[in-house]
Full PDB file with SEQRES, HELIX, SHEET, SSBOND, CRYST1, ORIGX, SCALE, CONECT and MASTER records, all heavy atoms in Angstrom:
SEQRES   1 A   36  ARG LEU ALA LEU THR ALA ALA GLY ARG GLU LEU GLN ARG          
SEQRES   2 A   36  ARG ILE GLY ALA GLY THR ALA GLU ILE THR ALA ARG LEU          
SEQRES   3 A   36  TYR ALA ASP LEU PRO ALA GLU ASP LEU ALA                      
HELIX    1 AA1 ALA A    6  TYR A   27  1                                  22    
HELIX    2 AA2 ALA A   32  LEU A   35  1                                   4    
CRYST1    1.000    1.000    1.000  90.00  90.00  90.00 P 1           1          
ORIGX1      1.000000  0.000000  0.000000        0.00000                         
ORIGX2      0.000000  1.000000  0.000000        0.00000                         
ORIGX3      0.000000  0.000000  1.000000        0.00000                         
SCALE1      1.000000  0.000000  0.000000        0.00000                         
SCALE2      0.000000  1.000000  0.000000        0.00000                         
SCALE3      0.000000  0.000000  1.000000        0.00000                         
ATOM      1  N   ARG A   1     -16.394 -35.101  18.040  1.00  0.00           N  
ATOM      2  CA  ARG A   1     -15.888 -33.777  17.655  1.00  0.00           C  
ATOM      3  C   ARG A   1     -16.151 -33.538  16.177  1.00  0.00           C  
ATOM      4  O   ARG A   1     -16.084 -34.450  15.362  1.00  0.00           O  
ATOM      5  CB  ARG A   1     -14.398 -33.674  17.960  1.00  0.00           C  
ATOM      6  CG  ARG A   1     -14.180 -33.777  19.443  1.00  0.00           C  
ATOM      7  CD  ARG A   1     -12.796 -33.587  19.964  1.00  0.00           C  
ATOM      8  NE  ARG A   1     -11.715 -33.572  19.033  1.00  0.00           N  
ATOM      9  CZ  ARG A   1     -10.561 -32.962  19.257  1.00  0.00           C  
ATOM     10  NH1 ARG A   1     -10.371 -32.307  20.380  1.00  0.00           N  
ATOM     11  NH2 ARG A   1      -9.584 -33.000  18.387  1.00  0.00           N  
ATOM     12  N   LEU A   2     -16.477 -32.278  15.871  1.00  0.00           N  
ATOM     13  CA  LEU A   2     -16.770 -31.872  14.497  1.00  0.00           C  
ATOM     14  C   LEU A   2     -15.767 -30.824  14.045  1.00  0.00           C  
ATOM     15  O   LEU A   2     -15.322 -29.996  14.840  1.00  0.00           O  
ATOM     16  CB  LEU A   2     -18.188 -31.283  14.403  1.00  0.00           C  
ATOM     17  CG  LEU A   2     -19.335 -32.211  14.769  1.00  0.00           C  
ATOM     18  CD1 LEU A   2     -20.652 -31.450  14.772  1.00  0.00           C  
ATOM     19  CD2 LEU A   2     -19.395 -33.395  13.815  1.00  0.00           C  
ATOM     20  N   ALA A   3     -15.462 -30.864  12.765  1.00  0.00           N  
ATOM     21  CA  ALA A   3     -14.528 -29.896  12.187  1.00  0.00           C  
ATOM     22  C   ALA A   3     -15.130 -29.317  10.917  1.00  0.00           C  
ATOM     23  O   ALA A   3     -15.877 -29.992  10.198  1.00  0.00           O  
ATOM     24  CB  ALA A   3     -13.192 -30.568  11.861  1.00  0.00           C  
ATOM     25  N   LEU A   4     -14.781 -28.073  10.650  1.00  0.00           N  
ATOM     26  CA  LEU A   4     -15.146 -27.478   9.368  1.00  0.00           C  
ATOM     27  C   LEU A   4     -14.358 -28.177   8.273  1.00  0.00           C  
ATOM     28  O   LEU A   4     -13.161 -28.430   8.423  1.00  0.00           O  
ATOM     29  CB  LEU A   4     -14.781 -25.989   9.341  1.00  0.00           C  
ATOM     30  CG  LEU A   4     -15.677 -25.017  10.086  1.00  0.00           C  
ATOM     31  CD1 LEU A   4     -15.044 -23.634  10.097  1.00  0.00           C  
ATOM     32  CD2 LEU A   4     -17.054 -24.960   9.451  1.00  0.00           C  
ATOM     33  N   THR A   5     -15.023 -28.486   7.184  1.00  0.00           N  
ATOM     34  CA  THR A   5     -14.307 -28.967   6.007  1.00  0.00           C  
ATOM     35  C   THR A   5     -13.810 -27.736   5.245  1.00  0.00           C  
ATOM     36  O   THR A   5     -14.158 -26.599   5.586  1.00  0.00           O  
ATOM     37  CB  THR A   5     -15.249 -29.779   5.097  1.00  0.00           C  
ATOM     38  OG1 THR A   5     -16.282 -28.903   4.625  1.00  0.00           O  
ATOM     39  CG2 THR A   5     -15.848 -30.983   5.826  1.00  0.00           C  
ATOM     40  N   ALA A   6     -13.034 -27.961   4.206  1.00  0.00           N  
ATOM     41  CA  ALA A   6     -12.578 -26.831   3.384  1.00  0.00           C  
ATOM     42  C   ALA A   6     -13.785 -26.087   2.801  1.00  0.00           C  
ATOM     43  O   ALA A   6     -13.826 -24.854   2.798  1.00  0.00           O  
ATOM     44  CB  ALA A   6     -11.653 -27.320   2.276  1.00  0.00           C  
ATOM     45  N   ALA A   7     -14.793 -26.846   2.352  1.00  0.00           N  
ATOM     46  CA  ALA A   7     -16.002 -26.212   1.801  1.00  0.00           C  
ATOM     47  C   ALA A   7     -16.753 -25.450   2.889  1.00  0.00           C  
ATOM     48  O   ALA A   7     -17.276 -24.356   2.643  1.00  0.00           O  
ATOM     49  CB  ALA A   7     -16.904 -27.265   1.171  1.00  0.00           C  
ATOM     50  N   GLY A   8     -16.815 -26.013   4.084  1.00  0.00           N  
ATOM     51  CA  GLY A   8     -17.485 -25.338   5.197  1.00  0.00           C  
ATOM     52  C   GLY A   8     -16.771 -24.062   5.593  1.00  0.00           C  
ATOM     53  O   GLY A   8     -17.395 -23.040   5.872  1.00  0.00           O  
ATOM     54  N   ARG A   9     -15.455 -24.118   5.614  1.00  0.00           N  
ATOM     55  CA  ARG A   9     -14.656 -22.938   5.964  1.00  0.00           C  
ATOM     56  C   ARG A   9     -14.863 -21.834   4.919  1.00  0.00           C  
ATOM     57  O   ARG A   9     -15.028 -20.669   5.249  1.00  0.00           O  
ATOM     58  CB  ARG A   9     -13.180 -23.307   6.066  1.00  0.00           C  
ATOM     59  CG  ARG A   9     -12.326 -22.223   6.668  1.00  0.00           C  
ATOM     60  CD  ARG A   9     -10.900 -22.695   6.932  1.00  0.00           C  
ATOM     61  NE  ARG A   9     -10.793 -23.808   7.847  1.00  0.00           N  
ATOM     62  CZ  ARG A   9     -10.877 -23.727   9.172  1.00  0.00           C  
ATOM     63  NH1 ARG A   9     -11.085 -22.564   9.735  1.00  0.00           N  
ATOM     64  NH2 ARG A   9     -10.754 -24.796   9.920  1.00  0.00           N  
ATOM     65  N   GLU A  10     -14.881 -22.208   3.647  1.00  0.00           N  
ATOM     66  CA  GLU A  10     -15.074 -21.223   2.582  1.00  0.00           C  
ATOM     67  C   GLU A  10     -16.470 -20.616   2.637  1.00  0.00           C  
ATOM     68  O   GLU A  10     -16.642 -19.403   2.503  1.00  0.00           O  
ATOM     69  CB  GLU A  10     -14.833 -21.858   1.219  1.00  0.00           C  
ATOM     70  CG  GLU A  10     -15.140 -20.957   0.042  1.00  0.00           C  
ATOM     71  CD  GLU A  10     -14.400 -19.628   0.025  1.00  0.00           C  
ATOM     72  OE1 GLU A  10     -13.317 -19.505   0.651  1.00  0.00           O  
ATOM     73  OE2 GLU A  10     -14.905 -18.683  -0.616  1.00  0.00           O  
ATOM     74  N   LEU A  11     -17.485 -21.444   2.862  1.00  0.00           N  
ATOM     75  CA  LEU A  11     -18.852 -20.929   2.973  1.00  0.00           C  
ATOM     76  C   LEU A  11     -18.974 -19.999   4.168  1.00  0.00           C  
ATOM     77  O   LEU A  11     -19.544 -18.910   4.060  1.00  0.00           O  
ATOM     78  CB  LEU A  11     -19.852 -22.072   3.086  1.00  0.00           C  
ATOM     79  CG  LEU A  11     -21.314 -21.662   3.284  1.00  0.00           C  
ATOM     80  CD1 LEU A  11     -21.819 -20.809   2.119  1.00  0.00           C  
ATOM     81  CD2 LEU A  11     -22.184 -22.896   3.472  1.00  0.00           C  
ATOM     82  N   GLN A  12     -18.424 -20.384   5.298  1.00  0.00           N  
ATOM     83  CA  GLN A  12     -18.485 -19.542   6.497  1.00  0.00           C  
ATOM     84  C   GLN A  12     -17.764 -18.226   6.257  1.00  0.00           C  
ATOM     85  O   GLN A  12     -18.227 -17.168   6.677  1.00  0.00           O  
ATOM     86  CB  GLN A  12     -17.886 -20.288   7.696  1.00  0.00           C  
ATOM     87  CG  GLN A  12     -18.131 -19.618   9.026  1.00  0.00           C  
ATOM     88  CD  GLN A  12     -17.171 -18.500   9.328  1.00  0.00           C  
ATOM     89  OE1 GLN A  12     -16.004 -18.524   8.916  1.00  0.00           O  
ATOM     90  NE2 GLN A  12     -17.646 -17.494  10.039  1.00  0.00           N  
ATOM     91  N   ARG A  13     -16.661 -18.262   5.537  1.00  0.00           N  
ATOM     92  CA  ARG A  13     -15.926 -17.039   5.212  1.00  0.00           C  
ATOM     93  C   ARG A  13     -16.770 -16.125   4.327  1.00  0.00           C  
ATOM     94  O   ARG A  13     -16.849 -14.924   4.567  1.00  0.00           O  
ATOM     95  CB  ARG A  13     -14.599 -17.382   4.515  1.00  0.00           C  
ATOM     96  CG  ARG A  13     -13.704 -16.148   4.286  1.00  0.00           C  
ATOM     97  CD  ARG A  13     -12.719 -16.346   3.154  1.00  0.00           C  
ATOM     98  NE  ARG A  13     -13.354 -16.601   1.865  1.00  0.00           N  
ATOM     99  CZ  ARG A  13     -13.963 -15.687   1.116  1.00  0.00           C  
ATOM    100  NH1 ARG A  13     -14.071 -14.450   1.527  1.00  0.00           N  
ATOM    101  NH2 ARG A  13     -14.498 -16.012  -0.049  1.00  0.00           N  
ATOM    102  N   ARG A  14     -17.441 -16.691   3.328  1.00  0.00           N  
ATOM    103  CA  ARG A  14     -18.298 -15.894   2.434  1.00  0.00           C  
ATOM    104  C   ARG A  14     -19.468 -15.282   3.196  1.00  0.00           C  
ATOM    105  O   ARG A  14     -19.798 -14.110   3.000  1.00  0.00           O  
ATOM    106  CB  ARG A  14     -18.823 -16.756   1.280  1.00  0.00           C  
ATOM    107  CG  ARG A  14     -17.797 -17.026   0.214  1.00  0.00           C  
ATOM    108  CD  ARG A  14     -18.328 -17.709  -1.054  1.00  0.00           C  
ATOM    109  NE  ARG A  14     -19.748 -17.827  -1.183  1.00  0.00           N  
ATOM    110  CZ  ARG A  14     -20.403 -19.001  -1.314  1.00  0.00           C  
ATOM    111  NH1 ARG A  14     -19.761 -20.138  -1.290  1.00  0.00           N  
ATOM    112  NH2 ARG A  14     -21.700 -19.010  -1.460  1.00  0.00           N  
ATOM    113  N   ILE A  15     -20.087 -16.081   4.044  1.00  0.00           N  
ATOM    114  CA  ILE A  15     -21.204 -15.565   4.841  1.00  0.00           C  
ATOM    115  C   ILE A  15     -20.701 -14.475   5.778  1.00  0.00           C  
ATOM    116  O   ILE A  15     -21.351 -13.438   5.942  1.00  0.00           O  
ATOM    117  CB  ILE A  15     -21.902 -16.700   5.618  1.00  0.00           C  
ATOM    118  CG1 ILE A  15     -22.616 -17.640   4.643  1.00  0.00           C  
ATOM    119  CG2 ILE A  15     -22.880 -16.134   6.650  1.00  0.00           C  
ATOM    120  CD1 ILE A  15     -23.134 -18.921   5.274  1.00  0.00           C  
ATOM    121  N   GLY A  16     -19.549 -14.694   6.395  1.00  0.00           N  
ATOM    122  CA  GLY A  16     -18.974 -13.690   7.294  1.00  0.00           C  
ATOM    123  C   GLY A  16     -18.689 -12.382   6.579  1.00  0.00           C  
ATOM    124  O   GLY A  16     -18.960 -11.296   7.112  1.00  0.00           O  
ATOM    125  N   ALA A  17     -18.155 -12.461   5.370  1.00  0.00           N  
ATOM    126  CA  ALA A  17     -17.871 -11.249   4.594  1.00  0.00           C  
ATOM    127  C   ALA A  17     -19.174 -10.525   4.238  1.00  0.00           C  
ATOM    128  O   ALA A  17     -19.264  -9.299   4.348  1.00  0.00           O  
ATOM    129  CB  ALA A  17     -17.090 -11.600   3.328  1.00  0.00           C  
ATOM    130  N   GLY A  18     -20.189 -11.290   3.846  1.00  0.00           N  
ATOM    131  CA  GLY A  18     -21.484 -10.678   3.534  1.00  0.00           C  
ATOM    132  C   GLY A  18     -22.122 -10.056   4.759  1.00  0.00           C  
ATOM    133  O   GLY A  18     -22.693  -8.960   4.692  1.00  0.00           O  
ATOM    134  N   THR A  19     -21.998 -10.728   5.891  1.00  0.00           N  
ATOM    135  CA  THR A  19     -22.539 -10.199   7.141  1.00  0.00           C  
ATOM    136  C   THR A  19     -21.824  -8.922   7.547  1.00  0.00           C  
ATOM    137  O   THR A  19     -22.451  -7.969   8.021  1.00  0.00           O  
ATOM    138  CB  THR A  19     -22.438 -11.261   8.255  1.00  0.00           C  
ATOM    139  OG1 THR A  19     -23.166 -12.427   7.842  1.00  0.00           O  
ATOM    140  CG2 THR A  19     -23.023 -10.757   9.552  1.00  0.00           C  
ATOM    141  N   ALA A  20     -20.513  -8.886   7.342  1.00  0.00           N  
ATOM    142  CA  ALA A  20     -19.746  -7.671   7.666  1.00  0.00           C  
ATOM    143  C   ALA A  20     -20.214  -6.495   6.809  1.00  0.00           C  
ATOM    144  O   ALA A  20     -20.343  -5.367   7.306  1.00  0.00           O  
ATOM    145  CB  ALA A  20     -18.253  -7.920   7.471  1.00  0.00           C  
ATOM    146  N   GLU A  21     -20.505  -6.753   5.543  1.00  0.00           N  
ATOM    147  CA  GLU A  21     -21.012  -5.693   4.670  1.00  0.00           C  
ATOM    148  C   GLU A  21     -22.379  -5.203   5.148  1.00  0.00           C  
ATOM    149  O   GLU A  21     -22.648  -3.997   5.179  1.00  0.00           O  
ATOM    150  CB  GLU A  21     -21.111  -6.195   3.228  1.00  0.00           C  
ATOM    151  CG  GLU A  21     -19.772  -6.402   2.559  1.00  0.00           C  
ATOM    152  CD  GLU A  21     -19.906  -7.003   1.156  1.00  0.00           C  
ATOM    153  OE1 GLU A  21     -21.012  -6.947   0.574  1.00  0.00           O  
ATOM    154  OE2 GLU A  21     -18.896  -7.529   0.658  1.00  0.00           O  
ATOM    155  N   ILE A  22     -23.236  -6.141   5.509  1.00  0.00           N  
ATOM    156  CA  ILE A  22     -24.567  -5.777   6.012  1.00  0.00           C  
ATOM    157  C   ILE A  22     -24.427  -4.954   7.287  1.00  0.00           C  
ATOM    158  O   ILE A  22     -25.079  -3.913   7.451  1.00  0.00           O  
ATOM    159  CB  ILE A  22     -25.413  -7.037   6.266  1.00  0.00           C  
ATOM    160  CG1 ILE A  22     -25.777  -7.714   4.940  1.00  0.00           C  
ATOM    161  CG2 ILE A  22     -26.660  -6.706   7.087  1.00  0.00           C  
ATOM    162  CD1 ILE A  22     -26.344  -9.120   5.097  1.00  0.00           C  
ATOM    163  N   THR A  23     -23.601  -5.418   8.193  1.00  0.00           N  
ATOM    164  CA  THR A  23     -23.401  -4.732   9.467  1.00  0.00           C  
ATOM    165  C   THR A  23     -22.895  -3.316   9.240  1.00  0.00           C  
ATOM    166  O   THR A  23     -23.404  -2.363   9.845  1.00  0.00           O  
ATOM    167  CB  THR A  23     -22.420  -5.521  10.355  1.00  0.00           C  
ATOM    168  OG1 THR A  23     -22.981  -6.823  10.587  1.00  0.00           O  
ATOM    169  CG2 THR A  23     -22.175  -4.830  11.680  1.00  0.00           C  
ATOM    170  N   ALA A  24     -21.912  -3.169   8.365  1.00  0.00           N  
ATOM    171  CA  ALA A  24     -21.369  -1.835   8.084  1.00  0.00           C  
ATOM    172  C   ALA A  24     -22.459  -0.918   7.545  1.00  0.00           C  
ATOM    173  O   ALA A  24     -22.548   0.255   7.941  1.00  0.00           O  
ATOM    174  CB  ALA A  24     -20.211  -1.945   7.099  1.00  0.00           C  
ATOM    175  N   ARG A  25     -23.293  -1.442   6.683  1.00  0.00           N  
ATOM    176  CA  ARG A  25     -24.364  -0.625   6.094  1.00  0.00           C  
ATOM    177  C   ARG A  25     -25.424  -0.247   7.128  1.00  0.00           C  
ATOM    178  O   ARG A  25     -25.880   0.899   7.184  1.00  0.00           O  
ATOM    179  CB  ARG A  25     -24.998  -1.399   4.943  1.00  0.00           C  
ATOM    180  CG  ARG A  25     -26.011  -0.623   4.181  1.00  0.00           C  
ATOM    181  CD  ARG A  25     -26.444  -1.389   2.958  1.00  0.00           C  
ATOM    182  NE  ARG A  25     -27.473  -0.649   2.256  1.00  0.00           N  
ATOM    183  CZ  ARG A  25     -28.159  -1.130   1.241  1.00  0.00           C  
ATOM    184  NH1 ARG A  25     -27.922  -2.342   0.793  1.00  0.00           N  
ATOM    185  NH2 ARG A  25     -29.076  -0.408   0.666  1.00  0.00           N  
ATOM    186  N   LEU A  26     -25.817  -1.206   7.965  1.00  0.00           N  
ATOM    187  CA  LEU A  26     -26.894  -0.949   8.921  1.00  0.00           C  
ATOM    188  C   LEU A  26     -26.457  -0.065  10.083  1.00  0.00           C  
ATOM    189  O   LEU A  26     -27.258   0.701  10.616  1.00  0.00           O  
ATOM    190  CB  LEU A  26     -27.449  -2.267   9.462  1.00  0.00           C  
ATOM    191  CG  LEU A  26     -28.124  -3.187   8.441  1.00  0.00           C  
ATOM    192  CD1 LEU A  26     -28.618  -4.448   9.129  1.00  0.00           C  
ATOM    193  CD2 LEU A  26     -29.258  -2.482   7.709  1.00  0.00           C  
ATOM    194  N   TYR A  27     -25.195  -0.158  10.478  1.00  0.00           N  
ATOM    195  CA  TYR A  27     -24.729   0.581  11.643  1.00  0.00           C  
ATOM    196  C   TYR A  27     -23.932   1.835  11.279  1.00  0.00           C  
ATOM    197  O   TYR A  27     -23.495   2.556  12.182  1.00  0.00           O  
ATOM    198  CB  TYR A  27     -23.882  -0.337  12.539  1.00  0.00           C  
ATOM    199  CG  TYR A  27     -24.700  -1.411  13.202  1.00  0.00           C  
ATOM    200  CD1 TYR A  27     -24.997  -2.601  12.544  1.00  0.00           C  
ATOM    201  CD2 TYR A  27     -25.198  -1.233  14.481  1.00  0.00           C  
ATOM    202  CE1 TYR A  27     -25.752  -3.580  13.148  1.00  0.00           C  
ATOM    203  CE2 TYR A  27     -25.958  -2.216  15.099  1.00  0.00           C  
ATOM    204  CZ  TYR A  27     -26.233  -3.393  14.421  1.00  0.00           C  
ATOM    205  OH  TYR A  27     -26.991  -4.361  15.011  1.00  0.00           O  
ATOM    206  N   ALA A  28     -23.788   2.089   9.993  1.00  0.00           N  
ATOM    207  CA  ALA A  28     -23.017   3.248   9.542  1.00  0.00           C  
ATOM    208  C   ALA A  28     -23.568   4.529  10.164  1.00  0.00           C  
ATOM    209  O   ALA A  28     -24.781   4.710  10.285  1.00  0.00           O  
ATOM    210  CB  ALA A  28     -23.066   3.355   8.014  1.00  0.00           C  
ATOM    211  N   ASP A  29     -22.669   5.387  10.592  1.00  0.00           N  
ATOM    212  CA  ASP A  29     -22.999   6.713  11.108  1.00  0.00           C  
ATOM    213  C   ASP A  29     -23.761   6.719  12.439  1.00  0.00           C  
ATOM    214  O   ASP A  29     -24.199   7.776  12.881  1.00  0.00           O  
ATOM    215  CB  ASP A  29     -23.778   7.541  10.079  1.00  0.00           C  
ATOM    216  CG  ASP A  29     -23.007   7.697   8.779  1.00  0.00           C  
ATOM    217  OD1 ASP A  29     -21.759   7.726   8.820  1.00  0.00           O  
ATOM    218  OD2 ASP A  29     -23.649   7.770   7.719  1.00  0.00           O  
ATOM    219  N   LEU A  30     -23.930   5.567  13.068  1.00  0.00           N  
ATOM    220  CA  LEU A  30     -24.533   5.566  14.403  1.00  0.00           C  
ATOM    221  C   LEU A  30     -23.420   5.855  15.405  1.00  0.00           C  
ATOM    222  O   LEU A  30     -22.364   5.239  15.349  1.00  0.00           O  
ATOM    223  CB  LEU A  30     -25.198   4.221  14.713  1.00  0.00           C  
ATOM    224  CG  LEU A  30     -26.415   3.876  13.848  1.00  0.00           C  
ATOM    225  CD1 LEU A  30     -26.910   2.472  14.167  1.00  0.00           C  
ATOM    226  CD2 LEU A  30     -27.526   4.892  14.056  1.00  0.00           C  
ATOM    227  N   PRO A  31     -23.640   6.805  16.302  1.00  0.00           N  
ATOM    228  CA  PRO A  31     -22.581   7.170  17.248  1.00  0.00           C  
ATOM    229  C   PRO A  31     -22.153   5.985  18.116  1.00  0.00           C  
ATOM    230  O   PRO A  31     -22.994   5.202  18.587  1.00  0.00           O  
ATOM    231  CB  PRO A  31     -23.232   8.260  18.107  1.00  0.00           C  
ATOM    232  CG  PRO A  31     -24.364   8.788  17.279  1.00  0.00           C  
ATOM    233  CD  PRO A  31     -24.850   7.624  16.454  1.00  0.00           C  
ATOM    234  N   ALA A  32     -20.865   5.868  18.331  1.00  0.00           N  
ATOM    235  CA  ALA A  32     -20.303   4.775  19.127  1.00  0.00           C  
ATOM    236  C   ALA A  32     -20.917   4.722  20.516  1.00  0.00           C  
ATOM    237  O   ALA A  32     -21.196   3.628  21.047  1.00  0.00           O  
ATOM    238  CB  ALA A  32     -18.786   4.906  19.210  1.00  0.00           C  
ATOM    239  N   GLU A  33     -21.161   5.882  21.116  1.00  0.00           N  
ATOM    240  CA  GLU A  33     -21.737   5.889  22.465  1.00  0.00           C  
ATOM    241  C   GLU A  33     -23.179   5.362  22.462  1.00  0.00           C  
ATOM    242  O   GLU A  33     -23.618   4.726  23.422  1.00  0.00           O  
ATOM    243  CB  GLU A  33     -21.648   7.274  23.130  1.00  0.00           C  
ATOM    244  CG  GLU A  33     -22.344   8.389  22.388  1.00  0.00           C  
ATOM    245  CD  GLU A  33     -21.499   9.091  21.318  1.00  0.00           C  
ATOM    246  OE1 GLU A  33     -20.395   8.622  20.993  1.00  0.00           O  
ATOM    247  OE2 GLU A  33     -21.982  10.107  20.800  1.00  0.00           O  
ATOM    248  N   ASP A  34     -23.918   5.614  21.384  1.00  0.00           N  
ATOM    249  CA  ASP A  34     -25.274   5.067  21.275  1.00  0.00           C  
ATOM    250  C   ASP A  34     -25.228   3.544  21.126  1.00  0.00           C  
ATOM    251  O   ASP A  34     -26.023   2.827  21.737  1.00  0.00           O  
ATOM    252  CB  ASP A  34     -26.021   5.669  20.084  1.00  0.00           C  
ATOM    253  CG  ASP A  34     -26.415   7.120  20.292  1.00  0.00           C  
ATOM    254  OD1 ASP A  34     -26.200   7.651  21.406  1.00  0.00           O  
ATOM    255  OD2 ASP A  34     -26.934   7.727  19.326  1.00  0.00           O  
ATOM    256  N   LEU A  35     -24.299   3.060  20.314  1.00  0.00           N  
ATOM    257  CA  LEU A  35     -24.163   1.615  20.137  1.00  0.00           C  
ATOM    258  C   LEU A  35     -23.751   0.948  21.446  1.00  0.00           C  
ATOM    259  O   LEU A  35     -24.251  -0.131  21.794  1.00  0.00           O  
ATOM    260  CB  LEU A  35     -23.151   1.311  19.031  1.00  0.00           C  
ATOM    261  CG  LEU A  35     -23.581   1.743  17.626  1.00  0.00           C  
ATOM    262  CD1 LEU A  35     -22.439   1.547  16.641  1.00  0.00           C  
ATOM    263  CD2 LEU A  35     -24.822   0.987  17.187  1.00  0.00           C  
ATOM    264  N   ALA A  36     -22.841   1.588  22.191  1.00  0.00           N  
ATOM    265  CA  ALA A  36     -22.409   1.033  23.474  1.00  0.00           C  
ATOM    266  C   ALA A  36     -23.577   0.997  24.465  1.00  0.00           C  
ATOM    267  O   ALA A  36     -23.774  -0.002  25.174  1.00  0.00           O  
ATOM    268  CB  ALA A  36     -21.245   1.836  24.041  1.00  0.00           C  
TER     269      ALA A  36                                                      
MASTER        0    0    0    2    0    0    0    6  268    1    0    3          
END                                                                             
């Protein structure tokens, strides 16, 4: 079994936050029905 270390958790959190920003920018203003 593998576990995230504190450093791994922090890196994953930073990447996740950056990915969320990218996603918001790329998908902004696209209609929900089109995305679905």
